[in-house]
């Protein structure tokens, strides 16, 4: 995610409910104090290498959308997977 999603509520959702790592860069704000447990933690140990991997994922998704279009005709997941494999 990019800086537009930098809020403590989103970090809590990702880390506590989804059980995933949230790697969102902090927005630059006028006040220097950083609020929130996860935002403070990210400020200290932000992993830029892992964050830059998102470009690879976005490129792959873009290629898939250009090749197959943005929609699938099949309704069931099993048939959607078949549709992607056949194209």
PDB file of N, CA and C in Angstrom:
ATOM      1  N   UNK A   1       0.834  -1.169   0.000  1.00  0.00           N
ATOM      2  CA  UNK A   1       0.000   0.000   0.000  1.00  0.00           C
ATOM      3  C   UNK A   1       0.881   1.235   0.000  1.00  0.00           C
ATOM      4  N   UNK A   2       0.321   2.310  -0.484  1.00  0.00           N
ATOM      5  CA  UNK A   2       1.107   3.535  -0.490  1.00  0.00           C
ATOM      6  C   UNK A   2       0.738   4.416   0.701  1.00  0.00           C
ATOM      7  N   UNK A   3       1.310   5.609   0.748  1.00  0.00           N
ATOM      8  CA  UNK A   3       1.169   6.487   1.905  1.00  0.00           C
ATOM      9  C   UNK A   3      -0.268   6.911   2.180  1.00  0.00           C
ATOM     10  N   UNK A   4      -1.126   6.848   1.188  1.00  0.00           N
ATOM     11  CA  UNK A   4      -2.514   7.240   1.372  1.00  0.00           C
ATOM     12  C   UNK A   4      -3.262   6.354   2.345  1.00  0.00           C
ATOM     13  N   UNK A   5      -2.762   5.155   2.604  1.00  0.00           N
ATOM     14  CA  UNK A   5      -3.398   4.213   3.513  1.00  0.00           C
ATOM     15  C   UNK A   5      -2.758   4.187   4.890  1.00  0.00           C
ATOM     16  N   UNK A   6      -1.949   5.179   5.202  1.00  0.00           N
ATOM     17  CA  UNK A   6      -1.241   5.221   6.477  1.00  0.00           C
ATOM     18  C   UNK A   6      -2.155   5.718   7.589  1.00  0.00           C
ATOM     19  N   UNK A   7      -2.782   4.794   8.282  1.00  0.00           N
ATOM     20  CA  UNK A   7      -3.547   5.126   9.482  1.00  0.00           C
ATOM     21  C   UNK A   7      -3.439   3.944  10.442  1.00  0.00           C
ATOM     22  N   UNK A   8      -3.542   4.226  11.696  1.00  0.00           N
ATOM     23  CA  UNK A   8      -3.406   3.169  12.697  1.00  0.00           C
ATOM     24  C   UNK A   8      -4.532   2.141  12.563  1.00  0.00           C
ATOM     25  N   UNK A   9      -5.729   2.588  12.178  1.00  0.00           N
ATOM     26  CA  UNK A   9      -6.856   1.668  12.026  1.00  0.00           C
ATOM     27  C   UNK A   9      -6.575   0.620  10.954  1.00  0.00           C
ATOM     28  N   UNK A  10      -5.975   1.024   9.864  1.00  0.00           N
ATOM     29  CA  UNK A  10      -5.652   0.076   8.790  1.00  0.00           C
ATOM     30  C   UNK A  10      -4.562  -0.888   9.235  1.00  0.00           C
ATOM     31  N   UNK A  11      -3.573  -0.387   9.957  1.00  0.00           N
ATOM     32  CA  UNK A  11      -2.520  -1.265  10.477  1.00  0.00           C
ATOM     33  C   UNK A  11      -3.099  -2.303  11.433  1.00  0.00           C
ATOM     34  N   UNK A  12      -4.009  -1.880  12.298  1.00  0.00           N
ATOM     35  CA  UNK A  12      -4.648  -2.808  13.240  1.00  0.00           C
ATOM     36  C   UNK A  12      -5.442  -3.867  12.477  1.00  0.00           C
ATOM     37  N   UNK A  13      -6.197  -3.454  11.468  1.00  0.00           N
ATOM     38  CA  UNK A  13      -6.974  -4.390  10.662  1.00  0.00           C
ATOM     39  C   UNK A  13      -6.074  -5.437  10.012  1.00  0.00           C
ATOM     40  N   UNK A  14      -4.988  -4.991   9.398  1.00  0.00           N
ATOM     41  CA  UNK A  14      -4.094  -5.901   8.691  1.00  0.00           C
ATOM     42  C   UNK A  14      -3.381  -6.835   9.666  1.00  0.00           C
ATOM     43  N   UNK A  15      -2.849  -6.297  10.727  1.00  0.00           N
ATOM     44  CA  UNK A  15      -2.026  -7.106  11.630  1.00  0.00           C
ATOM     45  C   UNK A  15      -2.826  -7.982  12.584  1.00  0.00           C
ATOM     46  N   UNK A  16      -3.911  -7.476  13.134  1.00  0.00           N
ATOM     47  CA  UNK A  16      -4.636  -8.229  14.157  1.00  0.00           C
ATOM     48  C   UNK A  16      -5.763  -9.078  13.588  1.00  0.00           C
ATOM     49  N   UNK A  17      -6.475  -8.580  12.592  1.00  0.00           N
ATOM     50  CA  UNK A  17      -7.601  -9.340  12.063  1.00  0.00           C
ATOM     51  C   UNK A  17      -7.186 -10.255  10.909  1.00  0.00           C
ATOM     52  N   UNK A  18      -6.372  -9.742   9.995  1.00  0.00           N
ATOM     53  CA  UNK A  18      -5.948 -10.537   8.837  1.00  0.00           C
ATOM     54  C   UNK A  18      -4.703 -11.359   9.158  1.00  0.00           C
ATOM     55  N   UNK A  19      -3.959 -10.958  10.181  1.00  0.00           N
ATOM     56  CA  UNK A  19      -2.714 -11.630  10.595  1.00  0.00           C
ATOM     57  C   UNK A  19      -1.649 -11.575   9.492  1.00  0.00           C
ATOM     58  N   UNK A  20      -1.431 -10.389   8.941  1.00  0.00           N
ATOM     59  CA  UNK A  20      -0.431 -10.181   7.895  1.00  0.00           C
ATOM     60  C   UNK A  20       0.465  -9.014   8.305  1.00  0.00           C
ATOM     61  N   UNK A  21       1.543  -8.821   7.565  1.00  0.00           N
ATOM     62  CA  UNK A  21       2.438  -7.694   7.825  1.00  0.00           C
ATOM     63  C   UNK A  21       1.947  -6.478   7.053  1.00  0.00           C
ATOM     64  N   UNK A  22       1.891  -5.348   7.724  1.00  0.00           N
ATOM     65  CA  UNK A  22       1.531  -4.105   7.041  1.00  0.00           C
ATOM     66  C   UNK A  22       2.815  -3.318   6.805  1.00  0.00           C
ATOM     67  N   UNK A  23       3.112  -3.095   5.551  1.00  0.00           N
ATOM     68  CA  UNK A  23       4.308  -2.337   5.194  1.00  0.00           C
ATOM     69  C   UNK A  23       3.842  -1.130   4.395  1.00  0.00           C
ATOM     70  N   UNK A  24       3.467  -0.095   5.120  1.00  0.00           N
ATOM     71  CA  UNK A  24       2.949   1.133   4.528  1.00  0.00           C
ATOM     72  C   UNK A  24       3.863   2.268   4.972  1.00  0.00           C
ATOM     73  N   UNK A  25       4.446   3.021   4.033  1.00  0.00           N
ATOM     74  CA  UNK A  25       5.314   4.127   4.454  1.00  0.00           C
ATOM     75  C   UNK A  25       4.510   5.205   5.171  1.00  0.00           C
ATOM     76  N   UNK A  26       5.131   5.862   6.122  1.00  0.00           N
ATOM     77  CA  UNK A  26       4.461   6.901   6.884  1.00  0.00           C
ATOM     78  C   UNK A  26       4.348   8.181   6.064  1.00  0.00           C
ATOM     79  N   UNK A  27       3.203   8.834   6.188  1.00  0.00           N
ATOM     80  CA  UNK A  27       3.024  10.129   5.536  1.00  0.00           C
ATOM     81  C   UNK A  27       3.836  11.184   6.268  1.00  0.00           C
ATOM     82  N   UNK A  28       4.305  12.165   5.537  1.00  0.00           N
ATOM     83  CA  UNK A  28       5.033  13.278   6.137  1.00  0.00           C
ATOM     84  C   UNK A  28       3.989  14.286   6.612  1.00  0.00           C
ATOM     85  N   UNK A  29       4.013  14.581   7.891  1.00  0.00           N
ATOM     86  CA  UNK A  29       3.027  15.488   8.481  1.00  0.00           C
ATOM     87  C   UNK A  29       3.728  16.657   9.142  1.00  0.00           C
ATOM     88  N   UNK A  30       2.974  17.708   9.386  1.00  0.00           N
ATOM     89  CA  UNK A  30       3.545  18.891  10.023  1.00  0.00           C
ATOM     90  C   UNK A  30       4.032  18.589  11.433  1.00  0.00           C
ATOM     91  N   UNK A  31       3.219  17.840  12.173  1.00  0.00           N
ATOM     92  CA  UNK A  31       3.650  17.488  13.532  1.00  0.00           C
ATOM     93  C   UNK A  31       4.622  16.302  13.457  1.00  0.00           C
ATOM     94  N   UNK A  32       5.588  16.316  14.290  1.00  0.00           N
ATOM     95  CA  UNK A  32       6.640  15.299  14.250  1.00  0.00           C
ATOM     96  C   UNK A  32       6.307  14.064  15.069  1.00  0.00           C
ATOM     97  N   UNK A  33       5.350  14.163  15.971  1.00  0.00           N
ATOM     98  CA  UNK A  33       4.992  13.047  16.852  1.00  0.00           C
ATOM     99  C   UNK A  33       4.211  11.991  16.071  1.00  0.00           C
ATOM    100  N   UNK A  34       4.592  10.752  16.233  1.00  0.00           N
ATOM    101  CA  UNK A  34       3.940   9.642  15.550  1.00  0.00           C
ATOM    102  C   UNK A  34       3.040   8.928  16.546  1.00  0.00           C
ATOM    103  N   UNK A  35       1.744   8.832  16.212  1.00  0.00           N
ATOM    104  CA  UNK A  35       0.774   8.178  17.081  1.00  0.00           C
ATOM    105  C   UNK A  35       0.528   6.757  16.610  1.00  0.00           C
ATOM    106  N   UNK A  36       0.206   5.893  17.529  1.00  0.00           N
ATOM    107  CA  UNK A  36      -0.161   4.524  17.194  1.00  0.00           C
ATOM    108  C   UNK A  36       0.985   3.552  17.362  1.00  0.00           C
ATOM    109  N   UNK A  37       0.643   2.397  17.903  1.00  0.00           N
ATOM    110  CA  UNK A  37       1.629   1.347  18.181  1.00  0.00           C
ATOM    111  C   UNK A  37       2.322   0.859  16.910  1.00  0.00           C
ATOM    112  N   UNK A  38       1.539   0.523  15.891  1.00  0.00           N
ATOM    113  CA  UNK A  38       2.116  -0.049  14.670  1.00  0.00           C
ATOM    114  C   UNK A  38       2.803   1.012  13.812  1.00  0.00           C
ATOM    115  N   UNK A  39       2.302   2.224  13.835  1.00  0.00           N
ATOM    116  CA  UNK A  39       2.956   3.297  13.082  1.00  0.00           C
ATOM    117  C   UNK A  39       4.322   3.617  13.679  1.00  0.00           C
ATOM    118  N   UNK A  40       4.423   3.622  15.008  1.00  0.00           N
ATOM    119  CA  UNK A  40       5.719   3.853  15.661  1.00  0.00           C
ATOM    120  C   UNK A  40       6.692   2.732  15.333  1.00  0.00           C
ATOM    121  N   UNK A  41       6.181   1.509  15.347  1.00  0.00           N
ATOM    122  CA  UNK A  41       7.022   0.352  15.041  1.00  0.00           C
ATOM    123  C   UNK A  41       7.539   0.430  13.603  1.00  0.00           C
ATOM    124  N   UNK A  42       6.680   0.811  12.668  1.00  0.00           N
ATOM    125  CA  UNK A  42       7.101   0.934  11.274  1.00  0.00           C
ATOM    126  C   UNK A  42       8.110   2.062  11.089  1.00  0.00           C
ATOM    127  N   UNK A  43       7.944   3.132  11.841  1.00  0.00           N
ATOM    128  CA  UNK A  43       8.894   4.244  11.737  1.00  0.00           C
ATOM    129  C   UNK A  43      10.305   3.792  12.106  1.00  0.00           C
ATOM    130  N   UNK A  44      10.392   2.889  13.065  1.00  0.00           N
ATOM    131  CA  UNK A  44      11.696   2.405  13.518  1.00  0.00           C
ATOM    132  C   UNK A  44      12.273   1.367  12.568  1.00  0.00           C
ATOM    133  N   UNK A  45      11.455   0.430  12.105  1.00  0.00           N
ATOM    134  CA  UNK A  45      11.979  -0.701  11.332  1.00  0.00           C
ATOM    135  C   UNK A  45      11.266  -0.893   9.987  1.00  0.00           C
ATOM    136  N   UNK A  46      11.180   0.154   9.171  1.00  0.00           N
ATOM    137  CA  UNK A  46      10.552   0.060   7.855  1.00  0.00           C
ATOM    138  C   UNK A  46      11.489  -0.674   6.897  1.00  0.00           C
ATOM    139  N   UNK A  47      10.998  -1.746   6.269  1.00  0.00           N
ATOM    140  CA  UNK A  47      11.798  -2.561   5.359  1.00  0.00           C
ATOM    141  C   UNK A  47      11.545  -2.120   3.922  1.00  0.00           C
ATOM    142  N   UNK A  48      12.429  -1.284   3.396  1.00  0.00           N
ATOM    143  CA  UNK A  48      12.260  -0.719   2.062  1.00  0.00           C
ATOM    144  C   UNK A  48      12.364  -1.791   0.972  1.00  0.00           C
ATOM    145  N   UNK A  49      13.172  -2.803   1.174  1.00  0.00           N
ATOM    146  CA  UNK A  49      13.329  -3.872   0.179  1.00  0.00           C
ATOM    147  C   UNK A  49      12.018  -4.634   0.002  1.00  0.00           C
ATOM    148  N   UNK A  50      11.387  -4.989   1.106  1.00  0.00           N
ATOM    149  CA  UNK A  50      10.099  -5.680   1.035  1.00  0.00           C
ATOM    150  C   UNK A  50       9.040  -4.774   0.425  1.00  0.00           C
ATOM    151  N   UNK A  51       9.046  -3.502   0.784  1.00  0.00           N
ATOM    152  CA  UNK A  51       8.063  -2.560   0.235  1.00  0.00           C
ATOM    153  C   UNK A  51       8.219  -2.435  -1.279  1.00  0.00           C
ATOM    154  N   UNK A  52       9.441  -2.435  -1.773  1.00  0.00           N
ATOM    155  CA  UNK A  52       9.673  -2.284  -3.208  1.00  0.00           C
ATOM    156  C   UNK A  52       9.244  -3.513  -4.007  1.00  0.00           C
ATOM    157  N   UNK A  53       9.053  -4.648  -3.346  1.00  0.00           N
ATOM    158  CA  UNK A  53       8.558  -5.836  -4.043  1.00  0.00           C
ATOM    159  C   UNK A  53       7.132  -5.655  -4.535  1.00  0.00           C
ATOM    160  N   UNK A  54       6.417  -4.707  -3.960  1.00  0.00           N
ATOM    161  CA  UNK A  54       5.046  -4.466  -4.401  1.00  0.00           C
ATOM    162  C   UNK A  54       4.997  -4.032  -5.854  1.00  0.00           C
ATOM    163  N   UNK A  55       6.049  -3.391  -6.335  1.00  0.00           N
ATOM    164  CA  UNK A  55       6.103  -3.009  -7.751  1.00  0.00           C
ATOM    165  C   UNK A  55       6.072  -4.238  -8.649  1.00  0.00           C
ATOM    166  N   UNK A  56       6.736  -5.304  -8.242  1.00  0.00           N
ATOM    167  CA  UNK A  56       6.744  -6.546  -9.021  1.00  0.00           C
ATOM    168  C   UNK A  56       5.338  -7.125  -9.082  1.00  0.00           C
ATOM    169  N   UNK A  57       4.650  -7.154  -7.957  1.00  0.00           N
ATOM    170  CA  UNK A  57       3.294  -7.696  -7.902  1.00  0.00           C
ATOM    171  C   UNK A  57       2.352  -6.852  -8.759  1.00  0.00           C
ATOM    172  N   UNK A  58       2.447  -5.533  -8.655  1.00  0.00           N
ATOM    173  CA  UNK A  58       1.582  -4.660  -9.444  1.00  0.00           C
ATOM    174  C   UNK A  58       1.840  -4.818 -10.938  1.00  0.00           C
ATOM    175  N   UNK A  59       3.082  -5.043 -11.329  1.00  0.00           N
ATOM    176  CA  UNK A  59       3.403  -5.265 -12.738  1.00  0.00           C
ATOM    177  C   UNK A  59       2.776  -6.556 -13.232  1.00  0.00           C
ATOM    178  N   UNK A  60       2.858  -7.612 -12.449  1.00  0.00           N
ATOM    179  CA  UNK A  60       2.275  -8.901 -12.838  1.00  0.00           C
ATOM    180  C   UNK A  60       0.757  -8.773 -12.990  1.00  0.00           C
ATOM    181  N   UNK A  61       0.102  -8.115 -12.044  1.00  0.00           N
ATOM    182  CA  UNK A  61      -1.351  -7.932 -12.127  1.00  0.00           C
ATOM    183  C   UNK A  61      -1.712  -7.110 -13.359  1.00  0.00           C
ATOM    184  N   UNK A  62      -0.927  -6.097 -13.663  1.00  0.00           N
ATOM    185  CA  UNK A  62      -1.178  -5.274 -14.845  1.00  0.00           C
ATOM    186  C   UNK A  62      -1.061  -6.087 -16.129  1.00  0.00           C
ATOM    187  N   UNK A  63      -0.053  -6.946 -16.206  1.00  0.00           N
ATOM    188  CA  UNK A  63       0.128  -7.792 -17.391  1.00  0.00           C
ATOM    189  C   UNK A  63      -1.042  -8.755 -17.549  1.00  0.00           C
ATOM    190  N   UNK A  64      -1.486  -9.345 -16.454  1.00  0.00           N
ATOM    191  CA  UNK A  64      -2.625 -10.270 -16.503  1.00  0.00           C
ATOM    192  C   UNK A  64      -3.878  -9.545 -16.972  1.00  0.00           C
ATOM    193  N   UNK A  65      -4.123  -8.341 -16.473  1.00  0.00           N
ATOM    194  CA  UNK A  65      -5.304  -7.578 -16.876  1.00  0.00           C
ATOM    195  C   UNK A  65      -5.243  -7.196 -18.351  1.00  0.00           C
ATOM    196  N   UNK A  66      -4.064  -6.812 -18.844  1.00  0.00           N
ATOM    197  CA  UNK A  66      -3.948  -6.457 -20.271  1.00  0.00           C
ATOM    198  C   UNK A  66      -4.158  -7.664 -21.157  1.00  0.00           C
ATOM    199  N   UNK A  67      -3.661  -8.808 -20.723  1.00  0.00           N
ATOM    200  CA  UNK A  67      -3.759 -10.009 -21.547  1.00  0.00           C
ATOM    201  C   UNK A  67      -5.159 -10.604 -21.538  1.00  0.00           C
ATOM    202  N   UNK A  68      -5.794 -10.672 -20.360  1.00  0.00           N
ATOM    203  CA  UNK A  68      -7.075 -11.366 -20.241  1.00  0.00           C
ATOM    204  C   UNK A  68      -8.261 -10.436 -20.045  1.00  0.00           C
ATOM    205  N   UNK A  69      -8.047  -9.173 -19.856  1.00  0.00           N
ATOM    206  CA  UNK A  69      -9.144  -8.272 -19.535  1.00  0.00           C
ATOM    207  C   UNK A  69      -9.343  -8.216 -18.034  1.00  0.00           C
ATOM    208  N   UNK A  70     -10.194  -7.321 -17.598  1.00  0.00           N
ATOM    209  CA  UNK A  70     -10.369  -7.123 -16.157  1.00  0.00           C
ATOM    210  C   UNK A  70     -11.480  -7.980 -15.575  1.00  0.00           C
ATOM    211  N   UNK A  71     -12.251  -8.664 -16.407  1.00  0.00           N
ATOM    212  CA  UNK A  71     -13.361  -9.444 -15.884  1.00  0.00           C
ATOM    213  C   UNK A  71     -13.267 -10.897 -16.324  1.00  0.00           C
ATOM    214  N   UNK A  72     -13.837 -11.744 -15.533  1.00  0.00           N
ATOM    215  CA  UNK A  72     -13.970 -13.162 -15.871  1.00  0.00           C
ATOM    216  C   UNK A  72     -15.450 -13.455 -16.076  1.00  0.00           C
ATOM    217  N   UNK A  73     -15.749 -14.365 -16.985  1.00  0.00           N
ATOM    218  CA  UNK A  73     -17.144 -14.706 -17.260  1.00  0.00           C
ATOM    219  C   UNK A  73     -17.668 -15.769 -16.292  1.00  0.00           C
ATOM    220  N   UNK A  74     -16.809 -16.620 -15.821  1.00  0.00           N
ATOM    221  CA  UNK A  74     -17.223 -17.718 -14.938  1.00  0.00           C
ATOM    222  C   UNK A  74     -17.605 -17.174 -13.564  1.00  0.00           C
ATOM    223  N   UNK A  75     -18.573 -17.823 -12.936  1.00  0.00           N
ATOM    224  CA  UNK A  75     -19.012 -17.400 -11.607  1.00  0.00           C
ATOM    225  C   UNK A  75     -18.333 -18.184 -10.493  1.00  0.00           C
ATOM    226  N   UNK A  76     -18.146 -19.461 -10.684  1.00  0.00           N
ATOM    227  CA  UNK A  76     -17.523 -20.294  -9.650  1.00  0.00           C
ATOM    228  C   UNK A  76     -16.005 -20.166  -9.722  1.00  0.00           C
ATOM    229  N   UNK A  77     -15.384 -20.218  -8.558  1.00  0.00           N
ATOM    230  CA  UNK A  77     -13.929 -20.064  -8.478  1.00  0.00           C
ATOM    231  C   UNK A  77     -13.204 -21.107  -9.314  1.00  0.00           C
ATOM    232  N   UNK A  78     -13.652 -22.347  -9.239  1.00  0.00           N
ATOM    233  CA  UNK A  78     -13.011 -23.427  -9.994  1.00  0.00           C
ATOM    234  C   UNK A  78     -13.030 -23.122 -11.497  1.00  0.00           C
ATOM    235  N   UNK A  79     -14.154 -22.630 -11.986  1.00  0.00           N
ATOM    236  CA  UNK A  79     -14.267 -22.297 -13.408  1.00  0.00           C
ATOM    237  C   UNK A  79     -13.478 -21.040 -13.764  1.00  0.00           C
ATOM    238  N   UNK A  80     -13.348 -20.110 -12.833  1.00  0.00           N
ATOM    239  CA  UNK A  80     -12.535 -18.918 -13.074  1.00  0.00           C
ATOM    240  C   UNK A  80     -11.075 -19.306 -13.255  1.00  0.00           C
ATOM    241  N   UNK A  81     -10.601 -20.231 -12.428  1.00  0.00           N
ATOM    242  CA  UNK A  81      -9.214 -20.691 -12.543  1.00  0.00           C
ATOM    243  C   UNK A  81      -9.003 -21.363 -13.895  1.00  0.00           C
ATOM    244  N   UNK A  82      -9.964 -22.172 -14.318  1.00  0.00           N
ATOM    245  CA  UNK A  82      -9.873 -22.824 -15.627  1.00  0.00           C
ATOM    246  C   UNK A  82      -9.854 -21.804 -16.746  1.00  0.00           C
ATOM    247  N   UNK A  83     -10.678 -20.768 -16.637  1.00  0.00           N
ATOM    248  CA  UNK A  83     -10.750 -19.729 -17.664  1.00  0.00           C
ATOM    249  C   UNK A  83      -9.409 -19.013 -17.803  1.00  0.00           C
ATOM    250  N   UNK A  84      -8.777 -18.703 -16.685  1.00  0.00           N
ATOM    251  CA  UNK A  84      -7.474 -18.016 -16.730  1.00  0.00           C
ATOM    252  C   UNK A  84      -6.423 -18.935 -17.344  1.00  0.00           C
ATOM    253  N   UNK A  85      -6.437 -20.216 -16.976  1.00  0.00           N
ATOM    254  CA  UNK A  85      -5.439 -21.162 -17.495  1.00  0.00           C
ATOM    255  C   UNK A  85      -5.605 -21.399 -18.989  1.00  0.00           C
ATOM    256  N   UNK A  86      -6.838 -21.378 -19.488  1.00  0.00           N
ATOM    257  CA  UNK A  86      -7.087 -21.655 -20.903  1.00  0.00           C
ATOM    258  C   UNK A  86      -6.744 -20.475 -21.808  1.00  0.00           C
ATOM    259  N   UNK A  87      -6.780 -19.281 -21.276  1.00  0.00           N
ATOM    260  CA  UNK A  87      -6.465 -18.116 -22.112  1.00  0.00           C
ATOM    261  C   UNK A  87      -5.002 -18.019 -22.235  1.00  0.00           C
TER     262      UNK A  87
END
